[in-house]
Amino acid sequence: MLRTRVLAAVAGIFVLIVVLFLLPPRVAVWVYTAAVLYAAWEWSALARLQAPGARAAYVLAIALLLALAGRYALTPGAFRLLLAVAAVWWLLALLWLAFIPERVSRSGAAIAGAWVLVPAWAALSGLQTGSERGPWLVFYVLCLVWAADSGAYFVGKRFGQRRLAPRVSPGKTWEGVAGGLLGALLVAAVGARLFGVPAAGFIALGGAVALVSVIGDLTESMFKRFAGLKDSGSLIPGHGGILDRIDSVTAAVPVFVLGLALLGETAWTA
């Protein structure tokens, strides 16, 4: 299993590099679109939709929302508003996780899927095409999430004692969150130097992204528990479904892009 996981990860990184740096930005956006629509298919199972027709209808609904978001977010102001709404959603998701994680319904899960997937797609697409260094910023935010995930895993495994969200994901601990935050802050410090931006704001944004990525991970876990699933799918050998790999990213990318705009680091502040 470990060999399978490693080979799948290496292949995934290779594909990611091709998409980010070798494909034209607009083509890369189509790849993101295909990935998000497949994630929508997996999310339909989290909403307990079983009939293939119902699941296909859900994917179609997400596709229509992506098209609307793409048209709506053409101006910088509308784009920032969409990202701000996404940030509010993740705040609400945090409250949901903290107080009523058992209160999940099929309709609630279906609606939540739209709030998770559509802004993430818009933010990722906008980041890829918004500036010349867009592909590098996409790669950077992914590294930020990977550092947070890895730090949380290793520190939590070695030192974890106090459970973070026992009603949602019993394996996660506060010590793991601290380890993930430290890893993300180190990556953010390196990123600030490489991109030549003011360190204080960029590192603070990196910390915020790391913390919200935990919410994204826990949110998917909440809906998987509702659906009675261990993994969202089996697309990636040894890893599960695509949602299992991008759950943290769906929360991190909108917050990251909104933070960049607020810091004045992208064309969307014009």
C-alpha atoms as a PDB file:
ATOM      1  CA  MET A   1       0.000   0.000   0.000  1.00  0.00           C
ATOM      2  CA  LEU A   2       2.823   2.411   0.834  1.00  0.00           C
ATOM      3  CA  ARG A   3       4.456   1.758  -2.545  1.00  0.00           C
ATOM      4  CA  THR A   4       1.140   2.395  -4.271  1.00  0.00           C
ATOM      5  CA  ARG A   5       0.617   5.631  -2.359  1.00  0.00           C
ATOM      6  CA  VAL A   6       4.113   6.876  -3.203  1.00  0.00           C
ATOM      7  CA  LEU A   7       3.820   6.022  -6.903  1.00  0.00           C
ATOM      8  CA  ALA A   8       0.402   7.690  -7.102  1.00  0.00           C
ATOM      9  CA  ALA A   9       1.771  10.786  -5.357  1.00  0.00           C
ATOM     10  CA  VAL A  10       4.756  11.014  -7.731  1.00  0.00           C
ATOM     11  CA  ALA A  11       2.473  10.637 -10.745  1.00  0.00           C
ATOM     12  CA  GLY A  12       0.138  13.288  -9.329  1.00  0.00           C
ATOM     13  CA  ILE A  13       2.970  15.758  -8.825  1.00  0.00           C
ATOM     14  CA  PHE A  14       4.149  15.176 -12.396  1.00  0.00           C
ATOM     15  CA  VAL A  15       0.663  15.836 -13.767  1.00  0.00           C
ATOM     16  CA  LEU A  16       0.356  18.922 -11.565  1.00  0.00           C
ATOM     17  CA  ILE A  17       3.613  20.385 -12.889  1.00  0.00           C
ATOM     18  CA  VAL A  18       2.484  19.817 -16.471  1.00  0.00           C
ATOM     19  CA  VAL A  19      -0.875  21.490 -15.815  1.00  0.00           C
ATOM     20  CA  LEU A  20       0.582  24.445 -13.918  1.00  0.00           C
ATOM     21  CA  PHE A  21       3.609  25.310 -15.991  1.00  0.00           C
ATOM     22  CA  LEU A  22       3.367  23.688 -19.424  1.00  0.00           C
ATOM     23  CA  LEU A  23      -0.264  24.078 -20.415  1.00  0.00           C
ATOM     24  CA  PRO A  24      -1.697  27.456 -21.482  1.00  0.00           C
ATOM     25  CA  PRO A  25      -3.527  29.052 -18.532  1.00  0.00           C
ATOM     26  CA  ARG A  26      -6.947  28.686 -20.143  1.00  0.00           C
ATOM     27  CA  VAL A  27      -6.333  25.007 -20.799  1.00  0.00           C
ATOM     28  CA  ALA A  28      -5.265  24.588 -17.180  1.00  0.00           C
ATOM     29  CA  VAL A  29      -8.599  26.092 -16.139  1.00  0.00           C
ATOM     30  CA  TRP A  30     -10.411  23.430 -18.161  1.00  0.00           C
ATOM     31  CA  VAL A  31      -8.399  20.789 -16.295  1.00  0.00           C
ATOM     32  CA  TYR A  32      -9.455  22.367 -12.985  1.00  0.00           C
ATOM     33  CA  THR A  33     -13.044  22.349 -14.213  1.00  0.00           C
ATOM     34  CA  ALA A  34     -12.909  18.643 -15.024  1.00  0.00           C
ATOM     35  CA  ALA A  35     -11.399  17.904 -11.609  1.00  0.00           C
ATOM     36  CA  VAL A  36     -14.055  19.906  -9.787  1.00  0.00           C
ATOM     37  CA  LEU A  37     -16.874  18.237 -11.713  1.00  0.00           C
ATOM     38  CA  TYR A  38     -15.472  14.829 -10.823  1.00  0.00           C
ATOM     39  CA  ALA A  39     -15.279  16.022  -7.220  1.00  0.00           C
ATOM     40  CA  ALA A  40     -18.960  17.003  -7.550  1.00  0.00           C
ATOM     41  CA  TRP A  41     -19.741  13.429  -8.599  1.00  0.00           C
ATOM     42  CA  GLU A  42     -18.024  12.211  -5.425  1.00  0.00           C
ATOM     43  CA  TRP A  43     -19.798  14.838  -3.340  1.00  0.00           C
ATOM     44  CA  SER A  44     -23.142  13.592  -4.592  1.00  0.00           C
ATOM     45  CA  ALA A  45     -22.404  10.375  -2.711  1.00  0.00           C
ATOM     46  CA  LEU A  46     -21.685  12.386   0.433  1.00  0.00           C
ATOM     47  CA  ALA A  47     -25.188  13.838   0.020  1.00  0.00           C
ATOM     48  CA  ARG A  48     -26.517  10.268  -0.085  1.00  0.00           C
ATOM     49  CA  LEU A  49     -27.582  10.486  -3.706  1.00  0.00           C
ATOM     50  CA  GLN A  50     -27.489   6.932  -5.020  1.00  0.00           C
ATOM     51  CA  ALA A  51     -29.231   6.763  -8.398  1.00  0.00           C
ATOM     52  CA  PRO A  52     -26.824   7.540 -11.284  1.00  0.00           C
ATOM     53  CA  GLY A  53     -29.347   9.976 -12.734  1.00  0.00           C
ATOM     54  CA  ALA A  54     -29.587  11.926  -9.483  1.00  0.00           C
ATOM     55  CA  ARG A  55     -25.821  12.059  -9.162  1.00  0.00           C
ATOM     56  CA  ALA A  56     -25.450  13.209 -12.778  1.00  0.00           C
ATOM     57  CA  ALA A  57     -28.059  15.920 -12.168  1.00  0.00           C
ATOM     58  CA  TYR A  58     -26.051  17.143  -9.201  1.00  0.00           C
ATOM     59  CA  VAL A  59     -22.907  17.349 -11.327  1.00  0.00           C
ATOM     60  CA  LEU A  60     -24.861  19.270 -13.969  1.00  0.00           C
ATOM     61  CA  ALA A  61     -26.106  21.705 -11.321  1.00  0.00           C
ATOM     62  CA  ILE A  62     -22.529  22.319 -10.162  1.00  0.00           C
ATOM     63  CA  ALA A  63     -21.449  22.833 -13.785  1.00  0.00           C
ATOM     64  CA  LEU A  64     -24.130  25.497 -14.230  1.00  0.00           C
ATOM     65  CA  LEU A  65     -22.993  27.201 -11.032  1.00  0.00           C
ATOM     66  CA  LEU A  66     -19.404  27.178 -12.294  1.00  0.00           C
ATOM     67  CA  ALA A  67     -20.552  28.857 -15.498  1.00  0.00           C
ATOM     68  CA  LEU A  68     -22.465  31.489 -13.533  1.00  0.00           C
ATOM     69  CA  ALA A  69     -19.505  32.091 -11.241  1.00  0.00           C
ATOM     70  CA  GLY A  70     -17.213  32.437 -14.236  1.00  0.00           C
ATOM     71  CA  ARG A  71     -19.458  35.100 -15.762  1.00  0.00           C
ATOM     72  CA  TYR A  72     -20.140  36.883 -12.486  1.00  0.00           C
ATOM     73  CA  ALA A  73     -16.507  37.087 -11.387  1.00  0.00           C
ATOM     74  CA  LEU A  74     -15.241  38.910 -14.482  1.00  0.00           C
ATOM     75  CA  THR A  75     -14.700  42.186 -12.605  1.00  0.00           C
ATOM     76  CA  PRO A  76     -12.294  42.573  -9.667  1.00  0.00           C
ATOM     77  CA  GLY A  77     -15.041  43.768  -7.337  1.00  0.00           C
ATOM     78  CA  ALA A  78     -17.350  40.852  -8.093  1.00  0.00           C
ATOM     79  CA  PHE A  79     -14.465  38.412  -7.796  1.00  0.00           C
ATOM     80  CA  ARG A  80     -13.500  39.715  -4.351  1.00  0.00           C
ATOM     81  CA  LEU A  81     -17.135  39.585  -3.257  1.00  0.00           C
ATOM     82  CA  LEU A  82     -17.356  35.930  -4.278  1.00  0.00           C
ATOM     83  CA  LEU A  83     -14.210  35.185  -2.287  1.00  0.00           C
ATOM     84  CA  ALA A  84     -15.563  37.083   0.720  1.00  0.00           C
ATOM     85  CA  VAL A  85     -18.766  35.036   0.596  1.00  0.00           C
ATOM     86  CA  ALA A  86     -16.628  31.892   0.492  1.00  0.00           C
ATOM     87  CA  ALA A  87     -14.725  33.058   3.575  1.00  0.00           C
ATOM     88  CA  VAL A  88     -18.038  33.582   5.383  1.00  0.00           C
ATOM     89  CA  TRP A  89     -19.099  30.072   4.395  1.00  0.00           C
ATOM     90  CA  TRP A  90     -15.970  28.595   5.981  1.00  0.00           C
ATOM     91  CA  LEU A  91     -16.646  30.550   9.157  1.00  0.00           C
ATOM     92  CA  LEU A  92     -20.145  29.075   9.210  1.00  0.00           C
ATOM     93  CA  ALA A  93     -18.671  25.633   8.540  1.00  0.00           C
ATOM     94  CA  LEU A  94     -16.445  26.083  11.584  1.00  0.00           C
ATOM     95  CA  LEU A  95     -19.472  26.849  13.740  1.00  0.00           C
ATOM     96  CA  TRP A  96     -21.277  23.858  12.252  1.00  0.00           C
ATOM     97  CA  LEU A  97     -18.347  21.595  13.108  1.00  0.00           C
ATOM     98  CA  ALA A  98     -17.987  22.999  16.601  1.00  0.00           C
ATOM     99  CA  PHE A  99     -21.599  22.882  17.732  1.00  0.00           C
ATOM    100  CA  ILE A 100     -23.852  20.683  15.595  1.00  0.00           C
ATOM    101  CA  PRO A 101     -21.773  18.257  13.473  1.00  0.00           C
ATOM    102  CA  GLU A 102     -24.520  15.631  13.807  1.00  0.00           C
ATOM    103  CA  ARG A 103     -27.112  17.935  12.243  1.00  0.00           C
ATOM    104  CA  VAL A 104     -26.586  17.004   8.600  1.00  0.00           C
ATOM    105  CA  SER A 105     -29.271  16.355   6.011  1.00  0.00           C
ATOM    106  CA  ARG A 106     -29.189  15.315   2.381  1.00  0.00           C
ATOM    107  CA  SER A 107     -30.236  18.770   1.195  1.00  0.00           C
ATOM    108  CA  GLY A 108     -27.777  20.450   3.545  1.00  0.00           C
ATOM    109  CA  ALA A 109     -24.950  18.263   2.294  1.00  0.00           C
ATOM    110  CA  ALA A 110     -25.873  18.954  -1.328  1.00  0.00           C
ATOM    111  CA  ILE A 111     -25.949  22.726  -0.795  1.00  0.00           C
ATOM    112  CA  ALA A 112     -22.705  22.634   1.171  1.00  0.00           C
ATOM    113  CA  GLY A 113     -21.044  20.921  -1.773  1.00  0.00           C
ATOM    114  CA  ALA A 114     -21.777  23.926  -3.952  1.00  0.00           C
ATOM    115  CA  TRP A 115     -20.293  26.303  -1.381  1.00  0.00           C
ATOM    116  CA  VAL A 116     -17.193  24.127  -1.128  1.00  0.00           C
ATOM    117  CA  LEU A 117     -16.532  23.498  -4.814  1.00  0.00           C
ATOM    118  CA  VAL A 118     -17.659  26.575  -6.747  1.00  0.00           C
ATOM    119  CA  PRO A 119     -15.652  29.294  -4.937  1.00  0.00           C
ATOM    120  CA  ALA A 120     -12.608  27.002  -4.846  1.00  0.00           C
ATOM    121  CA  TRP A 121     -12.809  26.591  -8.624  1.00  0.00           C
ATOM    122  CA  ALA A 122     -13.248  30.325  -9.165  1.00  0.00           C
ATOM    123  CA  ALA A 123     -10.327  31.176  -6.868  1.00  0.00           C
ATOM    124  CA  LEU A 124      -8.025  28.583  -8.418  1.00  0.00           C
ATOM    125  CA  SER A 125      -8.916  29.618 -11.959  1.00  0.00           C
ATOM    126  CA  GLY A 126      -8.540  33.291 -11.148  1.00  0.00           C
ATOM    127  CA  LEU A 127      -5.192  32.717  -9.493  1.00  0.00           C
ATOM    128  CA  GLN A 128      -3.909  30.698 -12.459  1.00  0.00           C
ATOM    129  CA  THR A 129      -4.854  33.339 -15.026  1.00  0.00           C
ATOM    130  CA  GLY A 130      -4.734  36.554 -12.973  1.00  0.00           C
ATOM    131  CA  SER A 131      -1.037  37.378 -13.345  1.00  0.00           C
ATOM    132  CA  GLU A 132       2.199  36.116 -14.871  1.00  0.00           C
ATOM    133  CA  ARG A 133       3.216  34.498 -11.612  1.00  0.00           C
ATOM    134  CA  GLY A 134      -0.205  32.893 -11.173  1.00  0.00           C
ATOM    135  CA  PRO A 135       1.015  29.309 -11.748  1.00  0.00           C
ATOM    136  CA  TRP A 136       3.732  29.816  -9.143  1.00  0.00           C
ATOM    137  CA  LEU A 137       1.193  31.173  -6.678  1.00  0.00           C
ATOM    138  CA  VAL A 138      -1.004  28.120  -7.246  1.00  0.00           C
ATOM    139  CA  PHE A 139       1.989  25.874  -6.624  1.00  0.00           C
ATOM    140  CA  TYR A 140       2.886  27.887  -3.540  1.00  0.00           C
ATOM    141  CA  VAL A 141      -0.557  27.642  -1.927  1.00  0.00           C
ATOM    142  CA  LEU A 142      -0.561  23.902  -2.601  1.00  0.00           C
ATOM    143  CA  CYS A 143       2.839  23.645  -0.897  1.00  0.00           C
ATOM    144  CA  LEU A 144       1.399  25.645   1.997  1.00  0.00           C
ATOM    145  CA  VAL A 145      -1.440  23.152   2.403  1.00  0.00           C
ATOM    146  CA  TRP A 146       0.908  20.175   2.036  1.00  0.00           C
ATOM    147  CA  ALA A 147       3.181  21.604   4.721  1.00  0.00           C
ATOM    148  CA  ALA A 148       0.211  22.097   7.038  1.00  0.00           C
ATOM    149  CA  ASP A 149      -1.082  18.573   6.376  1.00  0.00           C
ATOM    150  CA  SER A 150       2.348  16.975   6.806  1.00  0.00           C
ATOM    151  CA  GLY A 151       3.182  18.925   9.941  1.00  0.00           C
ATOM    152  CA  ALA A 152      -0.182  18.017  11.440  1.00  0.00           C
ATOM    153  CA  TYR A 153       0.270  14.337  10.617  1.00  0.00           C
ATOM    154  CA  PHE A 154       3.800  13.886  11.986  1.00  0.00           C
ATOM    155  CA  VAL A 155       3.447  16.098  15.055  1.00  0.00           C
ATOM    156  CA  GLY A 156       0.014  14.680  15.821  1.00  0.00           C
ATOM    157  CA  LYS A 157       1.298  11.120  15.453  1.00  0.00           C
ATOM    158  CA  ARG A 158       4.250  11.789  17.781  1.00  0.00           C
ATOM    159  CA  PHE A 159       2.814  14.188  20.341  1.00  0.00           C
ATOM    160  CA  GLY A 160      -0.959  14.243  19.824  1.00  0.00           C
ATOM    161  CA  GLN A 161      -3.037  13.817  22.985  1.00  0.00           C
ATOM    162  CA  ARG A 162      -5.870  16.360  22.991  1.00  0.00           C
ATOM    163  CA  ARG A 163      -8.413  15.513  20.324  1.00  0.00           C
ATOM    164  CA  LEU A 164      -9.477  18.368  18.093  1.00  0.00           C
ATOM    165  CA  ALA A 165     -12.910  17.263  16.888  1.00  0.00           C
ATOM    166  CA  PRO A 166     -13.781  13.843  18.369  1.00  0.00           C
ATOM    167  CA  ARG A 167     -17.334  13.933  16.984  1.00  0.00           C
ATOM    168  CA  VAL A 168     -16.058  14.438  13.443  1.00  0.00           C
ATOM    169  CA  SER A 169     -12.506  13.067  13.109  1.00  0.00           C
ATOM    170  CA  PRO A 170     -11.193  11.422  16.290  1.00  0.00           C
ATOM    171  CA  GLY A 171      -7.656  11.072  14.946  1.00  0.00           C
ATOM    172  CA  LYS A 172      -6.938  14.805  14.698  1.00  0.00           C
ATOM    173  CA  THR A 173      -5.383  16.600  17.667  1.00  0.00           C
ATOM    174  CA  TRP A 174      -4.631  20.134  18.782  1.00  0.00           C
ATOM    175  CA  GLU A 175      -0.943  19.252  18.825  1.00  0.00           C
ATOM    176  CA  GLY A 176      -1.239  18.260  15.181  1.00  0.00           C
ATOM    177  CA  VAL A 177      -2.844  21.592  14.350  1.00  0.00           C
ATOM    178  CA  ALA A 178       0.061  23.368  16.036  1.00  0.00           C
ATOM    179  CA  GLY A 179       2.558  21.310  14.045  1.00  0.00           C
ATOM    180  CA  GLY A 180       0.751  22.028  10.814  1.00  0.00           C
ATOM    181  CA  LEU A 181       0.614  25.734  11.586  1.00  0.00           C
ATOM    182  CA  LEU A 182       4.353  25.800  12.263  1.00  0.00           C
ATOM    183  CA  GLY A 183       5.081  24.034   8.988  1.00  0.00           C
ATOM    184  CA  ALA A 184       2.875  26.467   7.060  1.00  0.00           C
ATOM    185  CA  LEU A 185       4.495  29.496   8.697  1.00  0.00           C
ATOM    186  CA  LEU A 186       7.935  28.251   7.655  1.00  0.00           C
ATOM    187  CA  VAL A 187       6.753  27.796   4.067  1.00  0.00           C
ATOM    188  CA  ALA A 188       5.143  31.251   4.177  1.00  0.00           C
ATOM    189  CA  ALA A 189       8.403  32.820   5.355  1.00  0.00           C
ATOM    190  CA  VAL A 190      10.240  31.212   2.440  1.00  0.00           C
ATOM    191  CA  GLY A 191       7.472  32.267   0.064  1.00  0.00           C
ATOM    192  CA  ALA A 192       7.622  35.893   1.157  1.00  0.00           C
ATOM    193  CA  ARG A 193      11.315  35.952   0.330  1.00  0.00           C
ATOM    194  CA  LEU A 194      10.930  34.217  -3.018  1.00  0.00           C
ATOM    195  CA  PHE A 195       8.050  36.445  -4.147  1.00  0.00           C
ATOM    196  CA  GLY A 196       9.665  39.603  -2.770  1.00  0.00           C
ATOM    197  CA  VAL A 197       6.616  40.714  -0.763  1.00  0.00           C
ATOM    198  CA  PRO A 198       6.365  42.169   2.767  1.00  0.00           C
ATOM    199  CA  ALA A 199       6.943  39.281   5.143  1.00  0.00           C
ATOM    200  CA  ALA A 200       4.582  40.152   7.998  1.00  0.00           C
ATOM    201  CA  GLY A 201       1.351  40.179   6.023  1.00  0.00           C
ATOM    202  CA  PHE A 202       2.330  37.248   3.834  1.00  0.00           C
ATOM    203  CA  ILE A 203       3.287  35.052   6.790  1.00  0.00           C
ATOM    204  CA  ALA A 204       0.076  35.995   8.623  1.00  0.00           C
ATOM    205  CA  LEU A 205      -1.897  35.028   5.527  1.00  0.00           C
ATOM    206  CA  GLY A 206      -0.039  31.720   5.396  1.00  0.00           C
ATOM    207  CA  GLY A 207      -1.058  30.997   8.979  1.00  0.00           C
ATOM    208  CA  ALA A 208      -4.692  31.849   8.235  1.00  0.00           C
ATOM    209  CA  VAL A 209      -4.662  29.596   5.179  1.00  0.00           C
ATOM    210  CA  ALA A 210      -3.239  26.723   7.214  1.00  0.00           C
ATOM    211  CA  LEU A 211      -5.947  27.063   9.846  1.00  0.00           C
ATOM    212  CA  VAL A 212      -8.801  27.270   7.356  1.00  0.00           C
ATOM    213  CA  SER A 213      -7.404  24.234   5.539  1.00  0.00           C
ATOM    214  CA  VAL A 214      -8.087  22.257   8.719  1.00  0.00           C
ATOM    215  CA  ILE A 215     -11.722  23.365   8.523  1.00  0.00           C
ATOM    216  CA  GLY A 216     -11.891  22.122   4.938  1.00  0.00           C
ATOM    217  CA  ASP A 217     -10.529  18.735   5.969  1.00  0.00           C
ATOM    218  CA  LEU A 218     -12.919  18.408   8.905  1.00  0.00           C
ATOM    219  CA  THR A 219     -15.897  19.526   6.828  1.00  0.00           C
ATOM    220  CA  GLU A 220     -15.411  16.737   4.331  1.00  0.00           C
ATOM    221  CA  SER A 221     -14.950  14.307   7.241  1.00  0.00           C
ATOM    222  CA  MET A 222     -18.276  15.456   8.668  1.00  0.00           C
ATOM    223  CA  PHE A 223     -20.095  14.712   5.436  1.00  0.00           C
ATOM    224  CA  LYS A 224     -18.280  11.411   4.906  1.00  0.00           C
ATOM    225  CA  ARG A 225     -19.416  10.349   8.370  1.00  0.00           C
ATOM    226  CA  PHE A 226     -22.977  11.362   7.457  1.00  0.00           C
ATOM    227  CA  ALA A 227     -22.773   9.227   4.300  1.00  0.00           C
ATOM    228  CA  GLY A 228     -21.100   6.325   6.099  1.00  0.00           C
ATOM    229  CA  LEU A 229     -18.018   6.467   3.855  1.00  0.00           C
ATOM    230  CA  LYS A 230     -14.346   6.096   4.727  1.00  0.00           C
ATOM    231  CA  ASP A 231     -13.162   7.654   1.453  1.00  0.00           C
ATOM    232  CA  SER A 232     -14.938   9.882  -1.023  1.00  0.00           C
ATOM    233  CA  GLY A 233     -14.024   7.538  -3.870  1.00  0.00           C
ATOM    234  CA  SER A 234     -11.328   5.289  -5.308  1.00  0.00           C
ATOM    235  CA  LEU A 235      -9.969   7.343  -8.194  1.00  0.00           C
ATOM    236  CA  ILE A 236      -6.426   7.658  -6.804  1.00  0.00           C
ATOM    237  CA  PRO A 237      -4.805   4.334  -5.862  1.00  0.00           C
ATOM    238  CA  GLY A 238      -3.835   4.259  -2.210  1.00  0.00           C
ATOM    239  CA  HIS A 239      -5.291   7.721  -1.572  1.00  0.00           C
ATOM    240  CA  GLY A 240      -9.045   7.464  -2.100  1.00  0.00           C
ATOM    241  CA  GLY A 241     -11.083   9.944  -4.090  1.00  0.00           C
ATOM    242  CA  ILE A 242     -10.226  13.347  -5.437  1.00  0.00           C
ATOM    243  CA  LEU A 243     -12.095  15.018  -2.582  1.00  0.00           C
ATOM    244  CA  ASP A 244      -9.845  13.214  -0.121  1.00  0.00           C
ATOM    245  CA  ARG A 245      -6.899  14.996  -1.718  1.00  0.00           C
ATOM    246  CA  ILE A 246      -8.391  18.452  -2.216  1.00  0.00           C
ATOM    247  CA  ASP A 247     -10.596  18.880   0.873  1.00  0.00           C
ATOM    248  CA  SER A 248      -8.045  21.174   2.535  1.00  0.00           C
ATOM    249  CA  VAL A 249      -7.368  22.982  -0.749  1.00  0.00           C
ATOM    250  CA  THR A 250     -11.027  23.861  -1.314  1.00  0.00           C
ATOM    251  CA  ALA A 251     -10.965  25.944   1.862  1.00  0.00           C
ATOM    252  CA  ALA A 252      -7.415  27.254   1.546  1.00  0.00           C
ATOM    253  CA  VAL A 253      -7.417  28.650  -1.998  1.00  0.00           C
ATOM    254  CA  PRO A 254     -10.339  31.130  -1.720  1.00  0.00           C
ATOM    255  CA  VAL A 255      -8.948  32.511   1.547  1.00  0.00           C
ATOM    256  CA  PHE A 256      -5.464  32.748   0.066  1.00  0.00           C
ATOM    257  CA  VAL A 257      -6.604  34.606  -3.049  1.00  0.00           C
ATOM    258  CA  LEU A 258      -8.805  36.949  -1.004  1.00  0.00           C
ATOM    259  CA  GLY A 259      -5.835  37.635   1.276  1.00  0.00           C
ATOM    260  CA  LEU A 260      -3.608  38.401  -1.708  1.00  0.00           C
ATOM    261  CA  ALA A 261      -6.168  40.873  -3.017  1.00  0.00           C
ATOM    262  CA  LEU A 262      -6.426  42.562   0.379  1.00  0.00           C
ATOM    263  CA  LEU A 263      -2.637  42.750   0.585  1.00  0.00           C
ATOM    264  CA  GLY A 264      -2.533  44.354  -2.859  1.00  0.00           C
ATOM    265  CA  GLU A 265      -0.511  41.547  -4.416  1.00  0.00           C
ATOM    266  CA  THR A 266      -2.666  40.753  -7.462  1.00  0.00           C
ATOM    267  CA  ALA A 267      -4.338  42.475 -10.394  1.00  0.00           C
ATOM    268  CA  TRP A 268      -7.756  42.004  -8.740  1.00  0.00           C
ATOM    269  CA  THR A 269      -7.166  44.974  -6.448  1.00  0.00           C
ATOM    270  CA  ALA A 270      -7.374  47.361  -9.377  1.00  0.00           C
END
